[in-house]
Amino acid sequence: MTAKYLHIGIPITNKKPGMVYNEGLRLWMGKPDDHDFKIEYLKFEEGGPFPEIMHKNPHVAYEVDDAGPYLAEADQVIFGPAETPDGYRMAFIIKDDAIIELMEKKP
């Protein structure tokens, strides 16, 4: 299993400049590449698909070759897996009390 660090996602309550709105997810998203520490600020709106635990807690995102083993070893899968428009399969899990985002590039 190979995991490459992508970013840390931090929920916020006030929108920051440069955030982009994703209507389908009902979510304002920052761009991790705009920050040296790869921070993805997230402002969740009511009625979106993400569970409440993500609205209040940070997550760490990794690109993985195969999400299957990570999903199998998760304490809990809290979102997904779901296909993204840019060719990834995305899932959020809880492992050892941490929220982890898995991004698997689809061939």
N, C-alpha and C. Protein backbone atom coordinates (compact mmCIF):
# COMPACT_ATOMS: atom_id res chain seq x y z
N MET A 1 0.86 -1.17 0.00
CA MET A 1 0.00 0.00 0.00
C MET A 1 0.90 1.24 0.00
N THR A 2 0.56 2.18 -0.86
CA THR A 2 1.33 3.41 -0.96
C THR A 2 0.38 4.59 -0.77
N ALA A 3 0.75 5.52 0.12
CA ALA A 3 -0.06 6.71 0.37
C ALA A 3 0.83 7.95 0.27
N LYS A 4 0.41 8.90 -0.56
CA LYS A 4 1.13 10.16 -0.74
C LYS A 4 0.30 11.29 -0.14
N TYR A 5 0.92 12.06 0.77
CA TYR A 5 0.23 13.18 1.41
C TYR A 5 -0.23 14.19 0.38
N LEU A 6 -1.50 14.64 0.50
CA LEU A 6 -2.04 15.67 -0.39
C LEU A 6 -2.29 16.98 0.36
N HIS A 7 -3.05 16.92 1.46
CA HIS A 7 -3.38 18.15 2.19
C HIS A 7 -4.00 17.81 3.54
N ILE A 8 -4.16 18.86 4.35
CA ILE A 8 -4.98 18.76 5.54
C ILE A 8 -6.22 19.62 5.29
N GLY A 9 -7.37 19.08 5.58
CA GLY A 9 -8.63 19.81 5.41
C GLY A 9 -9.09 20.35 6.74
N ILE A 10 -9.33 21.66 6.79
CA ILE A 10 -9.72 22.31 8.03
C ILE A 10 -11.07 23.00 7.84
N PRO A 11 -12.09 22.57 8.59
CA PRO A 11 -13.39 23.24 8.49
C PRO A 11 -13.33 24.62 9.15
N ILE A 12 -13.98 25.58 8.49
CA ILE A 12 -14.04 26.95 9.00
C ILE A 12 -15.49 27.42 8.94
N THR A 13 -15.80 28.51 9.63
CA THR A 13 -17.16 29.03 9.62
C THR A 13 -17.32 30.27 8.76
N ASN A 14 -16.21 30.94 8.43
CA ASN A 14 -16.27 32.13 7.58
C ASN A 14 -15.47 31.89 6.31
N LYS A 15 -16.08 32.21 5.19
CA LYS A 15 -15.44 32.00 3.89
C LYS A 15 -14.19 32.86 3.76
N LYS A 16 -13.14 32.28 3.18
CA LYS A 16 -11.88 32.99 2.93
C LYS A 16 -11.80 33.40 1.45
N PRO A 17 -11.05 34.45 1.13
CA PRO A 17 -10.87 34.84 -0.26
C PRO A 17 -10.30 33.69 -1.09
N GLY A 18 -10.76 33.57 -2.30
CA GLY A 18 -10.26 32.55 -3.22
C GLY A 18 -10.94 31.20 -3.13
N MET A 19 -11.86 31.03 -2.18
CA MET A 19 -12.55 29.75 -2.07
C MET A 19 -13.50 29.57 -3.25
N VAL A 20 -13.69 28.33 -3.66
CA VAL A 20 -14.54 27.98 -4.79
C VAL A 20 -15.72 27.19 -4.27
N TYR A 21 -16.91 27.49 -4.82
CA TYR A 21 -18.12 26.80 -4.37
C TYR A 21 -18.39 25.59 -5.24
N ASN A 22 -18.67 24.46 -4.58
CA ASN A 22 -19.09 23.24 -5.26
C ASN A 22 -20.56 23.04 -4.92
N GLU A 23 -21.43 23.34 -5.89
CA GLU A 23 -22.87 23.31 -5.65
C GLU A 23 -23.37 21.92 -5.30
N GLY A 24 -22.86 20.90 -5.99
CA GLY A 24 -23.29 19.53 -5.73
C GLY A 24 -22.97 19.06 -4.32
N LEU A 25 -21.85 19.51 -3.79
CA LEU A 25 -21.44 19.12 -2.44
C LEU A 25 -21.88 20.13 -1.38
N ARG A 26 -22.42 21.27 -1.83
CA ARG A 26 -22.82 22.35 -0.92
C ARG A 26 -21.66 22.70 0.02
N LEU A 27 -20.55 23.10 -0.62
CA LEU A 27 -19.30 23.25 0.10
C LEU A 27 -18.44 24.30 -0.57
N TRP A 28 -17.89 25.22 0.23
CA TRP A 28 -16.86 26.15 -0.23
C TRP A 28 -15.52 25.51 0.06
N MET A 29 -14.62 25.53 -0.94
CA MET A 29 -13.33 24.85 -0.80
C MET A 29 -12.19 25.80 -1.13
N GLY A 30 -11.15 25.79 -0.28
CA GLY A 30 -9.92 26.50 -0.59
C GLY A 30 -9.04 25.61 -1.46
N LYS A 31 -7.95 26.18 -1.92
CA LYS A 31 -7.03 25.45 -2.79
C LYS A 31 -5.76 25.14 -1.99
N PRO A 32 -5.52 23.84 -1.69
CA PRO A 32 -4.35 23.49 -0.89
C PRO A 32 -3.03 23.97 -1.49
N ASP A 33 -2.93 24.04 -2.81
CA ASP A 33 -1.68 24.46 -3.43
C ASP A 33 -1.39 25.95 -3.23
N ASP A 34 -2.37 26.70 -2.71
CA ASP A 34 -2.15 28.11 -2.41
C ASP A 34 -1.43 28.31 -1.07
N HIS A 35 -1.20 27.23 -0.31
CA HIS A 35 -0.60 27.31 1.02
C HIS A 35 0.62 26.41 1.10
N ASP A 36 1.68 26.91 1.70
CA ASP A 36 2.90 26.12 1.87
C ASP A 36 2.63 24.82 2.62
N PHE A 37 1.71 24.85 3.55
CA PHE A 37 1.43 23.67 4.37
C PHE A 37 0.30 22.81 3.79
N LYS A 38 -0.12 23.11 2.56
CA LYS A 38 -1.16 22.33 1.87
C LYS A 38 -2.45 22.27 2.69
N ILE A 39 -2.97 23.43 3.05
CA ILE A 39 -4.21 23.52 3.83
C ILE A 39 -5.38 23.71 2.88
N GLU A 40 -6.40 22.88 3.04
CA GLU A 40 -7.64 23.02 2.29
C GLU A 40 -8.71 23.48 3.29
N TYR A 41 -9.03 24.78 3.23
CA TYR A 41 -10.09 25.29 4.10
C TYR A 41 -11.44 24.89 3.51
N LEU A 42 -12.37 24.49 4.38
CA LEU A 42 -13.68 24.01 3.95
C LEU A 42 -14.77 24.71 4.74
N LYS A 43 -15.74 25.25 4.03
CA LYS A 43 -16.91 25.84 4.67
C LYS A 43 -18.13 25.05 4.20
N PHE A 44 -18.65 24.22 5.07
CA PHE A 44 -19.78 23.35 4.76
C PHE A 44 -21.09 24.11 4.89
N GLU A 45 -22.02 23.82 4.00
CA GLU A 45 -23.37 24.36 4.10
C GLU A 45 -24.32 23.24 4.50
N GLU A 46 -25.42 23.61 5.10
CA GLU A 46 -26.44 22.62 5.48
C GLU A 46 -26.97 21.91 4.24
N GLY A 47 -27.30 20.64 4.42
CA GLY A 47 -27.91 19.88 3.34
C GLY A 47 -26.94 19.21 2.40
N GLY A 48 -25.64 19.32 2.66
CA GLY A 48 -24.65 18.66 1.82
C GLY A 48 -24.52 17.19 2.19
N PRO A 49 -23.77 16.44 1.40
CA PRO A 49 -23.68 15.00 1.62
C PRO A 49 -22.70 14.55 2.71
N PHE A 50 -21.86 15.47 3.19
CA PHE A 50 -20.84 15.06 4.15
C PHE A 50 -21.42 14.98 5.57
N PRO A 51 -20.98 13.98 6.34
CA PRO A 51 -21.50 13.83 7.70
C PRO A 51 -21.04 14.97 8.61
N GLU A 52 -21.82 15.20 9.63
CA GLU A 52 -21.58 16.31 10.57
C GLU A 52 -20.18 16.26 11.19
N ILE A 53 -19.64 15.09 11.42
CA ILE A 53 -18.31 14.97 12.03
C ILE A 53 -17.26 15.70 11.19
N MET A 54 -17.45 15.75 9.87
CA MET A 54 -16.50 16.44 9.00
C MET A 54 -16.65 17.95 9.07
N HIS A 55 -17.82 18.43 9.48
CA HIS A 55 -18.07 19.87 9.59
C HIS A 55 -17.30 20.49 10.75
N LYS A 56 -16.86 19.65 11.69
CA LYS A 56 -16.26 20.16 12.92
C LYS A 56 -14.84 19.66 13.18
N ASN A 57 -14.35 18.74 12.34
CA ASN A 57 -13.05 18.12 12.58
C ASN A 57 -12.19 18.14 11.32
N PRO A 58 -10.88 18.31 11.48
CA PRO A 58 -9.99 18.28 10.32
C PRO A 58 -9.82 16.86 9.79
N HIS A 59 -9.33 16.79 8.58
CA HIS A 59 -8.98 15.50 7.98
C HIS A 59 -7.63 15.62 7.28
N VAL A 60 -7.00 14.49 7.05
CA VAL A 60 -5.76 14.43 6.29
C VAL A 60 -6.03 13.63 5.03
N ALA A 61 -5.61 14.17 3.87
CA ALA A 61 -5.88 13.53 2.59
C ALA A 61 -4.63 12.89 2.01
N TYR A 62 -4.83 11.72 1.42
CA TYR A 62 -3.75 10.98 0.78
C TYR A 62 -4.20 10.48 -0.58
N GLU A 63 -3.29 10.50 -1.55
CA GLU A 63 -3.52 9.81 -2.81
C GLU A 63 -3.00 8.39 -2.63
N VAL A 64 -3.82 7.41 -2.97
CA VAL A 64 -3.46 6.01 -2.80
C VAL A 64 -3.58 5.28 -4.14
N ASP A 65 -2.76 4.25 -4.30
CA ASP A 65 -2.84 3.43 -5.51
C ASP A 65 -4.12 2.61 -5.55
N ASP A 66 -4.52 2.10 -4.39
CA ASP A 66 -5.69 1.24 -4.28
C ASP A 66 -6.36 1.52 -2.94
N ALA A 67 -7.55 2.08 -2.95
CA ALA A 67 -8.24 2.42 -1.71
C ALA A 67 -8.79 1.19 -1.00
N GLY A 68 -8.94 0.09 -1.71
CA GLY A 68 -9.56 -1.11 -1.15
C GLY A 68 -8.99 -1.56 0.19
N PRO A 69 -7.69 -1.76 0.31
CA PRO A 69 -7.14 -2.20 1.59
C PRO A 69 -7.36 -1.19 2.73
N TYR A 70 -7.29 0.09 2.42
CA TYR A 70 -7.53 1.12 3.44
C TYR A 70 -8.98 1.11 3.89
N LEU A 71 -9.89 0.94 2.94
CA LEU A 71 -11.31 0.87 3.29
C LEU A 71 -11.58 -0.36 4.15
N ALA A 72 -10.94 -1.47 3.82
CA ALA A 72 -11.13 -2.71 4.58
C ALA A 72 -10.61 -2.59 6.01
N GLU A 73 -9.54 -1.82 6.20
CA GLU A 73 -8.94 -1.67 7.52
C GLU A 73 -9.51 -0.50 8.32
N ALA A 74 -10.41 0.27 7.72
CA ALA A 74 -10.98 1.44 8.40
C ALA A 74 -11.82 1.02 9.60
N ASP A 75 -11.79 1.85 10.63
CA ASP A 75 -12.70 1.64 11.76
C ASP A 75 -14.13 1.95 11.32
N GLN A 76 -14.26 2.94 10.40
CA GLN A 76 -15.57 3.33 9.88
C GLN A 76 -15.39 4.07 8.56
N VAL A 77 -16.24 3.79 7.60
CA VAL A 77 -16.29 4.57 6.36
C VAL A 77 -17.41 5.58 6.55
N ILE A 78 -17.08 6.88 6.47
CA ILE A 78 -18.09 7.91 6.75
C ILE A 78 -18.60 8.60 5.50
N PHE A 79 -17.91 8.42 4.36
CA PHE A 79 -18.40 8.98 3.10
C PHE A 79 -17.77 8.22 1.95
N GLY A 80 -18.60 7.88 0.97
CA GLY A 80 -18.10 7.25 -0.24
C GLY A 80 -17.95 5.75 -0.10
N PRO A 81 -17.19 5.20 -1.01
CA PRO A 81 -16.46 5.83 -2.10
C PRO A 81 -17.39 6.45 -3.15
N ALA A 82 -16.91 7.54 -3.72
CA ALA A 82 -17.65 8.28 -4.73
C ALA A 82 -16.69 8.70 -5.84
N GLU A 83 -17.20 8.70 -7.06
CA GLU A 83 -16.40 9.14 -8.20
C GLU A 83 -16.40 10.66 -8.26
N THR A 84 -15.24 11.25 -8.59
CA THR A 84 -15.15 12.70 -8.75
C THR A 84 -15.08 13.02 -10.24
N PRO A 85 -15.46 14.23 -10.62
CA PRO A 85 -15.41 14.60 -12.04
C PRO A 85 -14.01 14.56 -12.65
N ASP A 86 -12.98 14.68 -11.81
CA ASP A 86 -11.62 14.70 -12.34
C ASP A 86 -10.93 13.33 -12.32
N GLY A 87 -11.72 12.26 -12.26
CA GLY A 87 -11.17 10.93 -12.44
C GLY A 87 -10.61 10.25 -11.20
N TYR A 88 -11.09 10.62 -10.03
CA TYR A 88 -10.67 9.97 -8.79
C TYR A 88 -11.85 9.23 -8.17
N ARG A 89 -11.51 8.27 -7.33
CA ARG A 89 -12.49 7.66 -6.43
C ARG A 89 -12.12 8.17 -5.05
N MET A 90 -13.07 8.82 -4.38
CA MET A 90 -12.82 9.49 -3.11
C MET A 90 -13.63 8.81 -2.00
N ALA A 91 -13.01 8.68 -0.84
CA ALA A 91 -13.71 8.17 0.34
C ALA A 91 -13.12 8.83 1.57
N PHE A 92 -13.94 8.94 2.60
CA PHE A 92 -13.48 9.42 3.91
C PHE A 92 -13.70 8.31 4.91
N ILE A 93 -12.65 8.04 5.69
CA ILE A 93 -12.73 6.99 6.68
C ILE A 93 -12.30 7.54 8.04
N ILE A 94 -12.62 6.78 9.07
CA ILE A 94 -12.05 7.03 10.39
C ILE A 94 -11.16 5.84 10.69
N LYS A 95 -9.92 6.14 11.06
CA LYS A 95 -8.94 5.14 11.46
C LYS A 95 -8.20 5.68 12.67
N ASP A 96 -8.24 4.96 13.77
CA ASP A 96 -7.56 5.39 15.01
C ASP A 96 -7.99 6.80 15.41
N ASP A 97 -9.28 7.08 15.33
CA ASP A 97 -9.89 8.35 15.73
C ASP A 97 -9.54 9.54 14.83
N ALA A 98 -8.91 9.30 13.69
CA ALA A 98 -8.57 10.37 12.74
C ALA A 98 -9.43 10.22 11.48
N ILE A 99 -9.84 11.35 10.92
CA ILE A 99 -10.55 11.34 9.65
C ILE A 99 -9.52 11.41 8.53
N ILE A 100 -9.61 10.46 7.62
CA ILE A 100 -8.66 10.36 6.52
C ILE A 100 -9.41 10.34 5.20
N GLU A 101 -8.97 11.18 4.28
CA GLU A 101 -9.52 11.19 2.93
C GLU A 101 -8.62 10.34 2.04
N LEU A 102 -9.22 9.45 1.29
CA LEU A 102 -8.50 8.61 0.34
C LEU A 102 -8.87 9.04 -1.07
N MET A 103 -7.86 9.32 -1.89
CA MET A 103 -8.09 9.70 -3.28
C MET A 103 -7.36 8.68 -4.16
N GLU A 104 -8.12 7.87 -4.86
CA GLU A 104 -7.56 6.84 -5.74
C GLU A 104 -7.74 7.29 -7.17
N LYS A 105 -6.64 7.45 -7.89
CA LYS A 105 -6.69 7.84 -9.31
C LYS A 105 -7.19 6.66 -10.14
N LYS A 106 -8.23 6.91 -10.90
CA LYS A 106 -8.78 5.85 -11.76
C LYS A 106 -8.06 5.88 -13.10
N PRO A 107 -7.75 4.68 -13.62
CA PRO A 107 -7.04 4.63 -14.92
C PRO A 107 -7.89 5.15 -16.06
